Each structure stands twice: as structure tokens, then as C-alpha cells.
C-alpha atoms as a PDB file:
ATOM      1  CA  MET A   1     -26.815 -41.915 -13.301  1.00  0.00           C
ATOM      2  CA  THR A   2     -28.402 -38.453 -12.921  1.00  0.00           C
ATOM      3  CA  THR A   3     -25.773 -35.820 -12.249  1.00  0.00           C
ATOM      4  CA  ILE A   4     -25.834 -33.031  -9.688  1.00  0.00           C
ATOM      5  CA  PRO A   5     -23.681 -29.924 -10.564  1.00  0.00           C
ATOM      6  CA  ARG A   6     -20.678 -29.297  -8.337  1.00  0.00           C
ATOM      7  CA  HIS A   7     -19.764 -25.814  -7.220  1.00  0.00           C
ATOM      8  CA  PRO A   8     -16.597 -24.294  -5.555  1.00  0.00           C
ATOM      9  CA  LEU A   9     -17.537 -23.631  -1.884  1.00  0.00           C
ATOM     10  CA  GLY A  10     -16.533 -20.012  -1.780  1.00  0.00           C
ATOM     11  CA  SER A  11     -12.795 -19.641  -1.962  1.00  0.00           C
ATOM     12  CA  THR A  12     -12.075 -22.706   0.178  1.00  0.00           C
ATOM     13  CA  GLY A  13     -10.884 -24.796  -2.707  1.00  0.00           C
ATOM     14  CA  LEU A  14     -13.495 -27.426  -1.680  1.00  0.00           C
ATOM     15  CA  GLU A  15     -15.855 -28.569  -4.438  1.00  0.00           C
ATOM     16  CA  VAL A  16     -19.324 -29.593  -3.310  1.00  0.00           C
ATOM     17  CA  THR A  17     -22.466 -30.805  -5.026  1.00  0.00           C
ATOM     18  CA  ALA A  18     -25.234 -28.220  -5.326  1.00  0.00           C
ATOM     19  CA  LEU A  19     -27.351 -30.592  -3.206  1.00  0.00           C
ATOM     20  CA  CYS A  20     -26.305 -31.482   0.374  1.00  0.00           C
ATOM     21  CA  VAL A  21     -28.049 -34.107   2.478  1.00  0.00           C
ATOM     22  CA  GLY A  22     -29.090 -32.884   5.954  1.00  0.00           C
ATOM     23  CA  THR A  23     -29.123 -35.521   8.631  1.00  0.00           C
ATOM     24  CA  SER A  24     -31.017 -34.102  11.595  1.00  0.00           C
ATOM     25  CA  PRO A  25     -34.086 -36.221  10.647  1.00  0.00           C
ATOM     26  CA  LEU A  26     -31.851 -39.345  11.021  1.00  0.00           C
ATOM     27  CA  ALA A  27     -31.485 -38.549  14.608  1.00  0.00           C
ATOM     28  CA  SER A  28     -35.099 -39.622  15.256  1.00  0.00           C
ATOM     29  CA  MET A  29     -36.105 -36.388  16.909  1.00  0.00           C
ATOM     30  CA  LYS A  30     -39.895 -37.018  17.164  1.00  0.00           C
ATOM     31  CA  ARG A  31     -40.471 -33.784  19.109  1.00  0.00           C
ATOM     32  CA  LEU A  32     -39.260 -31.816  16.121  1.00  0.00           C
ATOM     33  CA  TYR A  33     -40.279 -33.886  13.091  1.00  0.00           C
ATOM     34  CA  GLY A  34     -43.153 -35.907  14.486  1.00  0.00           C
ATOM     35  CA  TYR A  35     -41.871 -39.392  13.613  1.00  0.00           C
ATOM     36  CA  ASP A  36     -39.208 -41.922  14.722  1.00  0.00           C
ATOM     37  CA  VAL A  37     -36.454 -43.221  12.562  1.00  0.00           C
ATOM     38  CA  SER A  38     -34.899 -46.577  13.390  1.00  0.00           C
ATOM     39  CA  ASP A  39     -31.121 -47.313  13.271  1.00  0.00           C
ATOM     40  CA  GLU A  40     -31.665 -49.558  10.258  1.00  0.00           C
ATOM     41  CA  ARG A  41     -33.670 -46.942   8.250  1.00  0.00           C
ATOM     42  CA  ALA A  42     -31.107 -44.301   9.086  1.00  0.00           C
ATOM     43  CA  ILE A  43     -28.151 -46.362   8.034  1.00  0.00           C
ATOM     44  CA  ALA A  44     -29.863 -47.435   4.833  1.00  0.00           C
ATOM     45  CA  THR A  45     -30.605 -43.770   4.134  1.00  0.00           C
ATOM     46  CA  VAL A  46     -26.955 -42.812   4.384  1.00  0.00           C
ATOM     47  CA  GLU A  47     -25.984 -45.765   2.225  1.00  0.00           C
ATOM     48  CA  ALA A  48     -28.497 -44.514  -0.384  1.00  0.00           C
ATOM     49  CA  VAL A  49     -26.770 -41.182  -0.273  1.00  0.00           C
ATOM     50  CA  PHE A  50     -23.386 -42.870  -0.924  1.00  0.00           C
ATOM     51  CA  ASP A  51     -24.987 -44.508  -3.966  1.00  0.00           C
ATOM     52  CA  SER A  52     -26.583 -41.289  -5.183  1.00  0.00           C
ATOM     53  CA  PRO A  53     -25.077 -38.277  -7.097  1.00  0.00           C
ATOM     54  CA  ILE A  54     -25.107 -36.176  -3.853  1.00  0.00           C
ATOM     55  CA  ARG A  55     -21.540 -35.905  -2.480  1.00  0.00           C
ATOM     56  CA  PHE A  56     -22.012 -33.561   0.417  1.00  0.00           C
ATOM     57  CA  ILE A  57     -23.380 -34.581   3.893  1.00  0.00           C
ATOM     58  CA  ASP A  58     -24.138 -32.273   6.761  1.00  0.00           C
ATOM     59  CA  THR A  59     -24.517 -33.329  10.404  1.00  0.00           C
ATOM     60  CA  SER A  60     -23.963 -32.096  13.935  1.00  0.00           C
ATOM     61  CA  ASN A  61     -22.743 -33.173  17.401  1.00  0.00           C
ATOM     62  CA  GLY A  62     -26.136 -32.129  18.812  1.00  0.00           C
ATOM     63  CA  TYR A  63     -28.515 -33.972  16.463  1.00  0.00           C
ATOM     64  CA  GLY A  64     -30.333 -36.502  18.637  1.00  0.00           C
ATOM     65  CA  ASP A  65     -29.642 -38.082  21.995  1.00  0.00           C
ATOM     66  CA  ASP A  66     -26.003 -38.737  22.490  1.00  0.00           C
ATOM     67  CA  GLY A  67     -25.160 -37.755  18.892  1.00  0.00           C
ATOM     68  CA  SER A  68     -27.448 -40.348  17.360  1.00  0.00           C
ATOM     69  CA  SER A  69     -27.213 -38.798  13.796  1.00  0.00           C
ATOM     70  CA  GLU A  70     -23.436 -38.871  13.901  1.00  0.00           C
ATOM     71  CA  ARG A  71     -23.398 -42.446  15.291  1.00  0.00           C
ATOM     72  CA  ARG A  72     -25.611 -43.664  12.538  1.00  0.00           C
ATOM     73  CA  ILE A  73     -23.601 -41.949   9.814  1.00  0.00           C
ATOM     74  CA  GLY A  74     -20.549 -43.603  11.367  1.00  0.00           C
ATOM     75  CA  ALA A  75     -22.176 -47.031  11.183  1.00  0.00           C
ATOM     76  CA  ALA A  76     -22.916 -46.472   7.488  1.00  0.00           C
ATOM     77  CA  ILE A  77     -19.398 -45.339   6.885  1.00  0.00           C
ATOM     78  CA  ALA A  78     -18.023 -48.509   8.706  1.00  0.00           C
ATOM     79  CA  ALA A  79     -20.358 -50.736   6.614  1.00  0.00           C
ATOM     80  CA  ARG A  80     -19.055 -49.138   3.467  1.00  0.00           C
ATOM     81  CA  GLY A  81     -15.428 -49.699   4.545  1.00  0.00           C
ATOM     82  CA  GLY A  82     -14.741 -46.028   4.937  1.00  0.00           C
ATOM     83  CA  LEU A  83     -16.135 -42.681   3.753  1.00  0.00           C
ATOM     84  CA  PRO A  84     -16.209 -42.635   0.005  1.00  0.00           C
ATOM     85  CA  ALA A  85     -13.313 -40.415  -1.165  1.00  0.00           C
ATOM     86  CA  ASP A  86     -15.429 -37.958  -3.085  1.00  0.00           C
ATOM     87  CA  VAL A  87     -17.934 -37.292  -0.336  1.00  0.00           C
ATOM     88  CA  VAL A  88     -17.403 -34.035   1.713  1.00  0.00           C
ATOM     89  CA  LEU A  89     -18.601 -34.557   5.233  1.00  0.00           C
ATOM     90  CA  ALA A  90     -19.291 -31.538   7.481  1.00  0.00           C
ATOM     91  CA  THR A  91     -20.319 -31.496  11.171  1.00  0.00           C
ATOM     92  CA  LYS A  92     -20.949 -28.908  13.815  1.00  0.00           C
ATOM     93  CA  THR A  93     -19.858 -28.140  17.364  1.00  0.00           C
ATOM     94  CA  ASP A  94     -22.610 -27.933  19.931  1.00  0.00           C
ATOM     95  CA  PRO A  95     -22.994 -26.939  23.657  1.00  0.00           C
ATOM     96  CA  ASP A  96     -22.475 -29.501  26.428  1.00  0.00           C
ATOM     97  CA  PRO A  97     -25.922 -31.224  26.717  1.00  0.00           C
ATOM     98  CA  GLU A  98     -25.681 -31.453  30.457  1.00  0.00           C
ATOM     99  CA  THR A  99     -24.238 -28.059  31.506  1.00  0.00           C
ATOM    100  CA  GLY A 100     -24.999 -25.884  28.475  1.00  0.00           C
ATOM    101  CA  SER A 101     -21.373 -24.863  28.327  1.00  0.00           C
ATOM    102  CA  PHE A 102     -20.227 -23.534  24.901  1.00  0.00           C
ATOM    103  CA  ASP A 103     -16.734 -22.245  25.682  1.00  0.00           C
ATOM    104  CA  GLY A 104     -13.480 -23.150  23.967  1.00  0.00           C
ATOM    105  CA  ALA A 105     -13.008 -26.348  26.011  1.00  0.00           C
ATOM    106  CA  ARG A 106     -16.432 -27.515  24.944  1.00  0.00           C
ATOM    107  CA  ILE A 107     -15.685 -26.849  21.261  1.00  0.00           C
ATOM    108  CA  ARG A 108     -12.618 -29.151  21.404  1.00  0.00           C
ATOM    109  CA  ALA A 109     -14.639 -31.816  23.314  1.00  0.00           C
ATOM    110  CA  SER A 110     -17.543 -31.574  20.797  1.00  0.00           C
ATOM    111  CA  PHE A 111     -15.200 -31.973  17.864  1.00  0.00           C
ATOM    112  CA  GLU A 112     -13.527 -35.078  19.473  1.00  0.00           C
ATOM    113  CA  GLU A 113     -16.866 -36.660  20.183  1.00  0.00           C
ATOM    114  CA  SER A 114     -17.932 -36.169  16.559  1.00  0.00           C
ATOM    115  CA  LEU A 115     -14.816 -37.737  15.167  1.00  0.00           C
ATOM    116  CA  THR A 116     -15.233 -40.764  17.405  1.00  0.00           C
ATOM    117  CA  ARG A 117     -18.948 -41.266  16.458  1.00  0.00           C
ATOM    118  CA  LEU A 118     -18.315 -40.755  12.789  1.00  0.00           C
ATOM    119  CA  GLY A 119     -15.292 -43.065  12.871  1.00  0.00           C
ATOM    120  CA  VAL A 120     -13.178 -40.715  10.907  1.00  0.00           C
ATOM    121  CA  ASP A 121      -9.856 -39.007  11.549  1.00  0.00           C
ATOM    122  CA  ARG A 122     -10.820 -35.581  10.328  1.00  0.00           C
ATOM    123  CA  VAL A 123     -13.580 -33.596   8.664  1.00  0.00           C
ATOM    124  CA  PRO A 124     -12.849 -30.913   6.075  1.00  0.00           C
ATOM    125  CA  LEU A 125     -15.496 -28.483   7.294  1.00  0.00           C
ATOM    126  CA  LEU A 126     -16.551 -27.811  10.917  1.00  0.00           C
ATOM    127  CA  TYR A 127     -19.251 -25.261  11.943  1.00  0.00           C
ATOM    128  CA  LEU A 128     -19.944 -23.351  15.092  1.00  0.00           C
ATOM    129  CA  HIS A 129     -23.540 -24.293  15.502  1.00  0.00           C
ATOM    130  CA  ASP A 130     -26.397 -22.028  16.516  1.00  0.00           C
ATOM    131  CA  PRO A 131     -24.320 -19.392  18.183  1.00  0.00           C
ATOM    132  CA  GLU A 132     -27.488 -17.575  19.138  1.00  0.00           C
ATOM    133  CA  ARG A 133     -27.466 -19.820  22.232  1.00  0.00           C
ATOM    134  CA  ILE A 134     -24.800 -17.590  23.683  1.00  0.00           C
ATOM    135  CA  SER A 135     -24.137 -13.801  23.543  1.00  0.00           C
ATOM    136  CA  PHE A 136     -21.815 -12.590  20.706  1.00  0.00           C
ATOM    137  CA  ALA A 137     -19.540 -11.222  23.312  1.00  0.00           C
ATOM    138  CA  ASP A 138     -19.051 -14.650  24.870  1.00  0.00           C
ATOM    139  CA  GLY A 139     -18.681 -16.106  21.436  1.00  0.00           C
ATOM    140  CA  VAL A 140     -15.603 -13.949  20.630  1.00  0.00           C
ATOM    141  CA  ALA A 141     -14.144 -13.670  24.065  1.00  0.00           C
ATOM    142  CA  PRO A 142     -10.740 -14.986  24.856  1.00  0.00           C
ATOM    143  CA  GLY A 143     -11.031 -18.685  25.561  1.00  0.00           C
ATOM    144  CA  GLY A 144     -14.346 -18.763  23.756  1.00  0.00           C
ATOM    145  CA  PRO A 145     -15.716 -20.824  20.885  1.00  0.00           C
ATOM    146  CA  VAL A 146     -14.435 -18.700  17.993  1.00  0.00           C
ATOM    147  CA  GLU A 147     -10.916 -18.713  19.316  1.00  0.00           C
ATOM    148  CA  ALA A 148     -11.049 -22.521  19.706  1.00  0.00           C
ATOM    149  CA  MET A 149     -12.465 -23.011  16.238  1.00  0.00           C
ATOM    150  CA  VAL A 150      -9.663 -20.808  14.740  1.00  0.00           C
ATOM    151  CA  ALA A 151      -7.115 -22.904  16.708  1.00  0.00           C
ATOM    152  CA  LEU A 152      -8.449 -26.211  15.362  1.00  0.00           C
ATOM    153  CA  LYS A 153      -8.050 -24.883  11.849  1.00  0.00           C
ATOM    154  CA  GLU A 154      -4.538 -23.482  12.503  1.00  0.00           C
ATOM    155  CA  ALA A 155      -3.478 -26.764  13.938  1.00  0.00           C
ATOM    156  CA  GLY A 156      -4.593 -28.501  10.828  1.00  0.00           C
ATOM    157  CA  ALA A 157      -7.314 -30.620  12.612  1.00  0.00           C
ATOM    158  CA  VAL A 158      -9.879 -29.190  10.076  1.00  0.00           C
ATOM    159  CA  ASP A 159      -9.430 -27.571   6.759  1.00  0.00           C
ATOM    160  CA  PHE A 160     -12.133 -24.851   7.059  1.00  0.00           C
ATOM    161  CA  ILE A 161     -14.517 -23.512   9.621  1.00  0.00           C
ATOM    162  CA  GLY A 162     -18.037 -22.147   9.227  1.00  0.00           C
ATOM    163  CA  VAL A 163     -20.821 -20.597  11.321  1.00  0.00           C
ATOM    164  CA  ALA A 164     -24.233 -22.095  11.049  1.00  0.00           C
ATOM    165  CA  GLY A 165     -27.338 -20.673  12.562  1.00  0.00           C
ATOM    166  CA  GLY A 166     -30.505 -18.684  12.062  1.00  0.00           C
ATOM    167  CA  PRO A 167     -30.606 -14.989  12.871  1.00  0.00           C
ATOM    168  CA  VAL A 168     -29.075 -13.086  10.019  1.00  0.00           C
ATOM    169  CA  ASP A 169     -27.772 -10.100  11.882  1.00  0.00           C
ATOM    170  CA  LEU A 170     -25.895 -12.376  14.298  1.00  0.00           C
ATOM    171  CA  LEU A 171     -24.380 -14.396  11.469  1.00  0.00           C
ATOM    172  CA  GLU A 172     -23.189 -11.175   9.907  1.00  0.00           C
ATOM    173  CA  GLN A 173     -21.481 -10.231  13.165  1.00  0.00           C
ATOM    174  CA  TYR A 174     -19.574 -13.567  13.140  1.00  0.00           C
ATOM    175  CA  LEU A 175     -18.624 -13.195   9.419  1.00  0.00           C
ATOM    176  CA  ASP A 176     -17.222  -9.710  10.232  1.00  0.00           C
ATOM    177  CA  THR A 177     -14.734 -11.346  12.623  1.00  0.00           C
ATOM    178  CA  GLY A 178     -12.950 -12.601   9.445  1.00  0.00           C
ATOM    179  CA  ALA A 179     -12.560 -15.961  11.095  1.00  0.00           C
ATOM    180  CA  PHE A 180     -15.025 -18.046   9.062  1.00  0.00           C
ATOM    181  CA  ASP A 181     -14.772 -19.547   5.639  1.00  0.00           C
ATOM    182  CA  VAL A 182     -18.372 -20.685   5.195  1.00  0.00           C
ATOM    183  CA  VAL A 183     -21.756 -19.509   6.454  1.00  0.00           C
ATOM    184  CA  LEU A 184     -24.969 -21.645   6.682  1.00  0.00           C
ATOM    185  CA  SER A 185     -28.419 -20.280   7.488  1.00  0.00           C
ATOM    186  CA  HIS A 186     -31.781 -22.124   7.529  1.00  0.00           C
ATOM    187  CA  ASN A 187     -35.362 -21.303   6.637  1.00  0.00           C
ATOM    188  CA  ARG A 188     -34.363 -17.850   5.665  1.00  0.00           C
ATOM    189  CA  TYR A 189     -33.901 -18.095   1.891  1.00  0.00           C
ATOM    190  CA  THR A 190     -36.979 -19.936   0.535  1.00  0.00           C
ATOM    191  CA  LEU A 191     -39.996 -19.168  -1.695  1.00  0.00           C
ATOM    192  CA  LEU A 192     -41.633 -17.703   1.357  1.00  0.00           C
ATOM    193  CA  ASP A 193     -38.736 -15.867   3.111  1.00  0.00           C
ATOM    194  CA  ARG A 194     -35.798 -13.885   1.752  1.00  0.00           C
ATOM    195  CA  SER A 195     -34.293 -12.785   5.059  1.00  0.00           C
ATOM    196  CA  ALA A 196     -30.889 -14.263   4.281  1.00  0.00           C
ATOM    197  CA  GLN A 197     -30.451 -12.914   0.750  1.00  0.00           C
ATOM    198  CA  HIS A 198     -28.264  -9.866   1.642  1.00  0.00           C
ATOM    199  CA  LEU A 199     -26.238 -12.090   4.110  1.00  0.00           C
ATOM    200  CA  PHE A 200     -25.600 -14.553   1.319  1.00  0.00           C
ATOM    201  CA  GLU A 201     -24.844 -11.990  -1.362  1.00  0.00           C
ATOM    202  CA  GLY A 202     -22.327 -10.201   0.990  1.00  0.00           C
ATOM    203  CA  ALA A 203     -20.665 -13.515   1.796  1.00  0.00           C
ATOM    204  CA  ARG A 204     -20.262 -14.387  -1.845  1.00  0.00           C
ATOM    205  CA  GLU A 205     -18.687 -11.004  -2.554  1.00  0.00           C
ATOM    206  CA  ARG A 206     -16.158 -11.801   0.237  1.00  0.00           C
ATOM    207  CA  GLY A 207     -15.379 -15.323  -1.071  1.00  0.00           C
ATOM    208  CA  ILE A 208     -17.135 -16.915   1.843  1.00  0.00           C
ATOM    209  CA  GLY A 209     -18.923 -20.287   1.024  1.00  0.00           C
ATOM    210  CA  VAL A 210     -22.722 -20.018   1.158  1.00  0.00           C
ATOM    211  CA  VAL A 211     -24.821 -23.012   2.203  1.00  0.00           C
ATOM    212  CA  ASN A 212     -28.569 -22.564   2.296  1.00  0.00           C
ATOM    213  CA  ALA A 213     -30.521 -25.036   4.543  1.00  0.00           C
ATOM    214  CA  ALA A 214     -34.142 -25.944   4.878  1.00  0.00           C
ATOM    215  CA  PRO A 215     -35.582 -24.733   1.499  1.00  0.00           C
ATOM    216  CA  TYR A 216     -38.838 -26.214   2.501  1.00  0.00           C
ATOM    217  CA  GLY A 217     -39.244 -24.017   5.549  1.00  0.00           C
ATOM    218  CA  GLY A 218     -39.361 -26.938   7.924  1.00  0.00           C
ATOM    219  CA  GLY A 219     -41.964 -28.859   5.840  1.00  0.00           C
ATOM    220  CA  MET A 220     -44.568 -26.294   4.779  1.00  0.00           C
ATOM    221  CA  LEU A 221     -43.183 -26.150   1.149  1.00  0.00           C
ATOM    222  CA  ALA A 222     -42.644 -29.983   1.040  1.00  0.00           C
ATOM    223  CA  LYS A 223     -45.939 -31.218   2.507  1.00  0.00           C
ATOM    224  CA  GLY A 224     -48.116 -28.223   1.687  1.00  0.00           C
ATOM    225  CA  PRO A 225     -49.482 -25.669   4.235  1.00  0.00           C
ATOM    226  CA  ASP A 226     -52.651 -27.731   4.871  1.00  0.00           C
ATOM    227  CA  THR A 227     -50.548 -30.611   6.159  1.00  0.00           C
ATOM    228  CA  GLN A 228     -47.760 -28.612   7.742  1.00  0.00           C
ATOM    229  CA  ALA A 229     -49.038 -25.434   9.203  1.00  0.00           C
ATOM    230  CA  LYS A 230     -45.825 -24.401  10.845  1.00  0.00           C
ATOM    231  CA  TYR A 231     -43.025 -22.514   9.080  1.00  0.00           C
ATOM    232  CA  GLY A 232     -39.525 -22.665  10.389  1.00  0.00           C
ATOM    233  CA  TYR A 233     -40.602 -25.086  13.205  1.00  0.00           C
ATOM    234  CA  GLY A 234     -42.899 -22.500  14.725  1.00  0.00           C
ATOM    235  CA  GLU A 235     -46.397 -20.957  14.390  1.00  0.00           C
ATOM    236  CA  ARG A 236     -46.446 -17.993  11.987  1.00  0.00           C
ATOM    237  CA  ASP A 237     -48.764 -15.384  10.677  1.00  0.00           C
ATOM    238  CA  GLY A 238     -51.566 -17.008   8.669  1.00  0.00           C
ATOM    239  CA  ARG A 239     -50.479 -15.004   5.642  1.00  0.00           C
ATOM    240  CA  ILE A 240     -47.477 -17.255   5.261  1.00  0.00           C
ATOM    241  CA  ALA A 241     -49.724 -20.308   4.853  1.00  0.00           C
ATOM    242  CA  ASP A 242     -51.912 -18.325   2.532  1.00  0.00           C
ATOM    243  CA  ALA A 243     -48.952 -17.414   0.279  1.00  0.00           C
ATOM    244  CA  ALA A 244     -47.835 -21.142   0.331  1.00  0.00           C
ATOM    245  CA  ARG A 245     -51.330 -22.191  -0.834  1.00  0.00           C
ATOM    246  CA  ALA A 246     -51.249 -19.677  -3.686  1.00  0.00           C
ATOM    247  CA  MET A 247     -47.859 -20.874  -4.726  1.00  0.00           C
ATOM    248  CA  GLN A 248     -49.047 -24.455  -4.499  1.00  0.00           C
ATOM    249  CA  ALA A 249     -51.962 -23.597  -6.830  1.00  0.00           C
ATOM    250  CA  ALA A 250     -49.609 -21.860  -9.253  1.00  0.00           C
ATOM    251  CA  CYS A 251     -47.332 -24.944  -9.377  1.00  0.00           C
ATOM    252  CA  GLU A 252     -50.257 -27.223  -9.986  1.00  0.00           C
ATOM    253  CA  ARG A 253     -51.288 -25.044 -12.978  1.00  0.00           C
ATOM    254  CA  TYR A 254     -47.863 -25.747 -14.478  1.00  0.00           C
ATOM    255  CA  GLY A 255     -47.822 -29.429 -13.469  1.00  0.00           C
ATOM    256  CA  VAL A 256     -44.889 -28.850 -11.039  1.00  0.00           C
ATOM    257  CA  PRO A 257     -44.698 -30.305  -7.462  1.00  0.00           C
ATOM    258  CA  LEU A 258     -44.449 -27.472  -4.890  1.00  0.00           C
ATOM    259  CA  PRO A 259     -41.357 -29.040  -3.302  1.00  0.00           C
ATOM    260  CA  ALA A 260     -39.537 -29.189  -6.670  1.00  0.00           C
ATOM    261  CA  ALA A 261     -40.058 -25.479  -7.115  1.00  0.00           C
ATOM    262  CA  ALA A 262     -39.105 -24.743  -3.611  1.00  0.00           C
ATOM    263  CA  LEU A 263     -35.814 -26.697  -3.889  1.00  0.00           C
ATOM    264  CA  GLN A 264     -34.985 -25.316  -7.325  1.00  0.00           C
ATOM    265  CA  PHE A 265     -35.580 -21.753  -6.066  1.00  0.00           C
ATOM    266  CA  SER A 266     -32.473 -22.227  -3.877  1.00  0.00           C
ATOM    267  CA  LEU A 267     -30.495 -24.297  -6.421  1.00  0.00           C
ATOM    268  CA  ARG A 268     -30.926 -21.529  -9.154  1.00  0.00           C
ATOM    269  CA  ALA A 269     -29.643 -18.645  -6.878  1.00  0.00           C
ATOM    270  CA  PRO A 270     -26.275 -17.488  -8.099  1.00  0.00           C
ATOM    271  CA  PHE A 271     -24.997 -16.839  -4.613  1.00  0.00           C
ATOM    272  CA  VAL A 272     -25.861 -20.247  -3.092  1.00  0.00           C
ATOM    273  CA  ASP A 273     -23.068 -22.912  -3.363  1.00  0.00           C
ATOM    274  CA  SER A 274     -25.020 -25.826  -1.884  1.00  0.00           C
ATOM    275  CA  THR A 275     -28.583 -26.414  -0.549  1.00  0.00           C
ATOM    276  CA  VAL A 276     -29.190 -28.646   2.448  1.00  0.00           C
ATOM    277  CA  VAL A 277     -32.316 -30.853   2.374  1.00  0.00           C
ATOM    278  CA  GLY A 278     -33.044 -33.139   5.325  1.00  0.00           C
ATOM    279  CA  VAL A 279     -33.902 -36.776   4.485  1.00  0.00           C
ATOM    280  CA  SER A 280     -35.161 -39.669   6.589  1.00  0.00           C
ATOM    281  CA  SER A 281     -35.407 -42.567   4.146  1.00  0.00           C
ATOM    282  CA  PRO A 282     -33.751 -43.968   1.085  1.00  0.00           C
ATOM    283  CA  GLU A 283     -36.859 -43.053  -0.985  1.00  0.00           C
ATOM    284  CA  ARG A 284     -36.487 -39.395   0.072  1.00  0.00           C
ATOM    285  CA  VAL A 285     -32.913 -39.376  -1.229  1.00  0.00           C
ATOM    286  CA  ALA A 286     -34.178 -40.421  -4.691  1.00  0.00           C
ATOM    287  CA  GLU A 287     -37.113 -38.015  -4.542  1.00  0.00           C
ATOM    288  CA  THR A 288     -34.857 -35.205  -3.700  1.00  0.00           C
ATOM    289  CA  VAL A 289     -32.644 -35.860  -6.673  1.00  0.00           C
ATOM    290  CA  ARG A 290     -35.749 -36.019  -8.872  1.00  0.00           C
ATOM    291  CA  PHE A 291     -37.024 -32.772  -7.660  1.00  0.00           C
ATOM    292  CA  ALA A 292     -33.659 -31.188  -8.201  1.00  0.00           C
ATOM    293  CA  THR A 293     -33.495 -32.214 -11.760  1.00  0.00           C
ATOM    294  CA  LEU A 294     -37.153 -31.823 -12.838  1.00  0.00           C
ATOM    295  CA  GLN A 295     -37.673 -29.454 -15.758  1.00  0.00           C
ATOM    296  CA  ILE A 296     -39.621 -26.250 -14.524  1.00  0.00           C
ATOM    297  CA  PRO A 297     -41.196 -23.854 -17.048  1.00  0.00           C
ATOM    298  CA  GLU A 298     -39.476 -20.436 -16.755  1.00  0.00           C
ATOM    299  CA  ALA A 299     -42.815 -18.704 -16.670  1.00  0.00           C
ATOM    300  CA  LEU A 300     -43.638 -20.136 -13.212  1.00  0.00           C
ATOM    301  CA  TRP A 301     -40.849 -18.212 -11.550  1.00  0.00           C
ATOM    302  CA  PRO A 302     -42.190 -14.685 -11.886  1.00  0.00           C
ATOM    303  CA  GLU A 303     -45.612 -15.831 -10.861  1.00  0.00           C
ATOM    304  CA  LEU A 304     -44.135 -17.345  -7.656  1.00  0.00           C
ATOM    305  CA  GLU A 305     -42.190 -14.174  -7.116  1.00  0.00           C
ATOM    306  CA  SER A 306     -45.305 -12.129  -7.204  1.00  0.00           C
ATOM    307  CA  LEU A 307     -46.757 -14.210  -4.306  1.00  0.00           C
ATOM    308  CA  VAL A 308     -43.859 -13.724  -1.727  1.00  0.00           C
ATOM    309  CA  PRO A 309     -45.228 -12.507   1.663  1.00  0.00           C
ATOM    310  CA  PRO A 310     -44.205  -8.999   2.756  1.00  0.00           C
ATOM    311  CA  ALA A 311     -40.804  -8.626   4.470  1.00  0.00           C
ATOM    312  CA  ASP A 312     -42.292  -7.942   7.923  1.00  0.00           C
ATOM    313  CA  LEU A 313     -43.456 -11.620   8.098  1.00  0.00           C
ATOM    314  CA  TRP A 314     -39.965 -13.011   7.347  1.00  0.00           C
ATOM    315  CA  LEU A 315     -37.833 -14.636  10.167  1.00  0.00           C
ATOM    316  CA  ASN A 316     -34.886 -12.315   9.863  1.00  0.00           C
END
């Protein structure tokens, strides 16, 4: 079987594969991804992950209606007779879908809902998810989500806690609290956007685990800019797509698929412990492993670097 390197996740003591499977596509969120995913296909995809060299799975309480991503993962775990012992499963706490509340009580309720759906007694890693949905002051207030996350860790309910979101400056504020063991950011360290590089480098220096999500920028670097015009799930300056086209042409000259270069850009970063790639079918699991292990000529990398859009176009 093809092997995927394993890395220490910061100073947590957890060892994770350099590839992590993201499961938001398994929630069948057509509004976001443009397609539906059936229960059967989602469960088969998770089972394919269990049979693959990837041993790190990422999900969230808020992926899909009524936590459909977690429920489907839970069904695959049950079908397998339990979570494989060498698989690290991480989930995230999310606001109440009805009220929008994201206080300490909601953190505890979100965590319990996740355990029930997944059919597990515990997860080793639990993230505070997209804290940009509340103010930082509310996030760190007494009785707020950070306090509740720390309490779960201190009680032994989870081994480690992380913060997962988008805006780099806000994530840095949360890391500065000293409460978090792991940071995850998405769409901000890719061939087209380097917003998160200083965040990730600083986290690595402090022994904080670094997880980079969405190396394809929400699809542009997987499907190509002529198929997926959006970057990071939104409309962007046309120069982003122009840069992606130039990168695609460079890859073609070297006989390298653009998504393979996009994925390995993250995998080769010395400050990234694991890279999250969303999958929605068993075939995509196999394809992701192939892209991760494909030989890429060293001469391609400086050419791609010369095509990076200017910093004022990055998400930040």
C-alpha cells in the first residue's frame, strides 16, 4: 500500500498523517458545493478512507442539516465495528442552529451532540469552529466558548483543543490566549494565497499544531479556473483566476496535474503538520492519495512561485 508520512501535531504528542480527509462535502451541502451526496455514497467514502493510508479525519457539528456529516461518519464507524485504532478523529463545536448562541453552554451541548452522532465516547481533538461568527470579546468572556473548551480539556473529556477558522488576525488573537494546542485555517495557504504563512510559522515556533485546510481554494485549483471561477467560496478579483490559468499552463508543460501541485505545495511546507482535503466519493480518496504521492519536477516550484498574485488580493 502507498504510505503517507506521519507528523507530530505540534507538541500535543498526537501523530497524524500529512493528509487529513475533510468531510464537509459528505454533508451534501448543495448550496456550497453544487451537488448532492447520498447516505450510501458518504458512508462508502468514509469506509474508503479507513481502507486508505490516510489516518486523520476532520468533521464538524455544523456540517449539514442536523449534523449529517457526523451522522454519516458514525454510520461508517458502526459498520466497521468501531473507529480503527490508528485513526485520529477531530470534530468542531458550532453555534446553535436555531438561536445562533455560541456561549459556554452551547459548546458543551455541541460536543455531546457530536459524540452521539459519531457513536464514540471521546475525540482526541476538538476545535472551536469559525469564531468570527462572534466578537473576540464574547469568545473569551467568562462563561464563553473558550472557557468551556478549556474546561472540557481539563476534565479529560478531550485531549487537545484547537481553533479553526478563516481570518488570520482573529486566529492569532485566539492563539495569544495560550489556551489552544492546534490551529486550522482554510484557503489561506495555497498556490494563490499566502495569508496564513506568518500565522502558521508563528504557531510552529510555539509548539502549536498546524493544520492547513482547503489547499485547492474551494475548487479553483482542483477543477481549474475556467470550471470553478470562485476562490474561497466567493467571487474574487479576476487576477486570481488569471494566475491560476498561468499556473495550470505551467503544470501542463511539466506534465503535472494542477491539483497535484496545489496539494503538494501544502504538503511540502515545513510548518504544516497536516493538510485537509475535502472528499465526496471513494474515487476522490484514491485520487487524493495519488496526487499526494506523484513525483513533481523540482523546477516547477520556482515557476509557480513567480506567478503568485500580489498580497493585496489575498483573503487575509
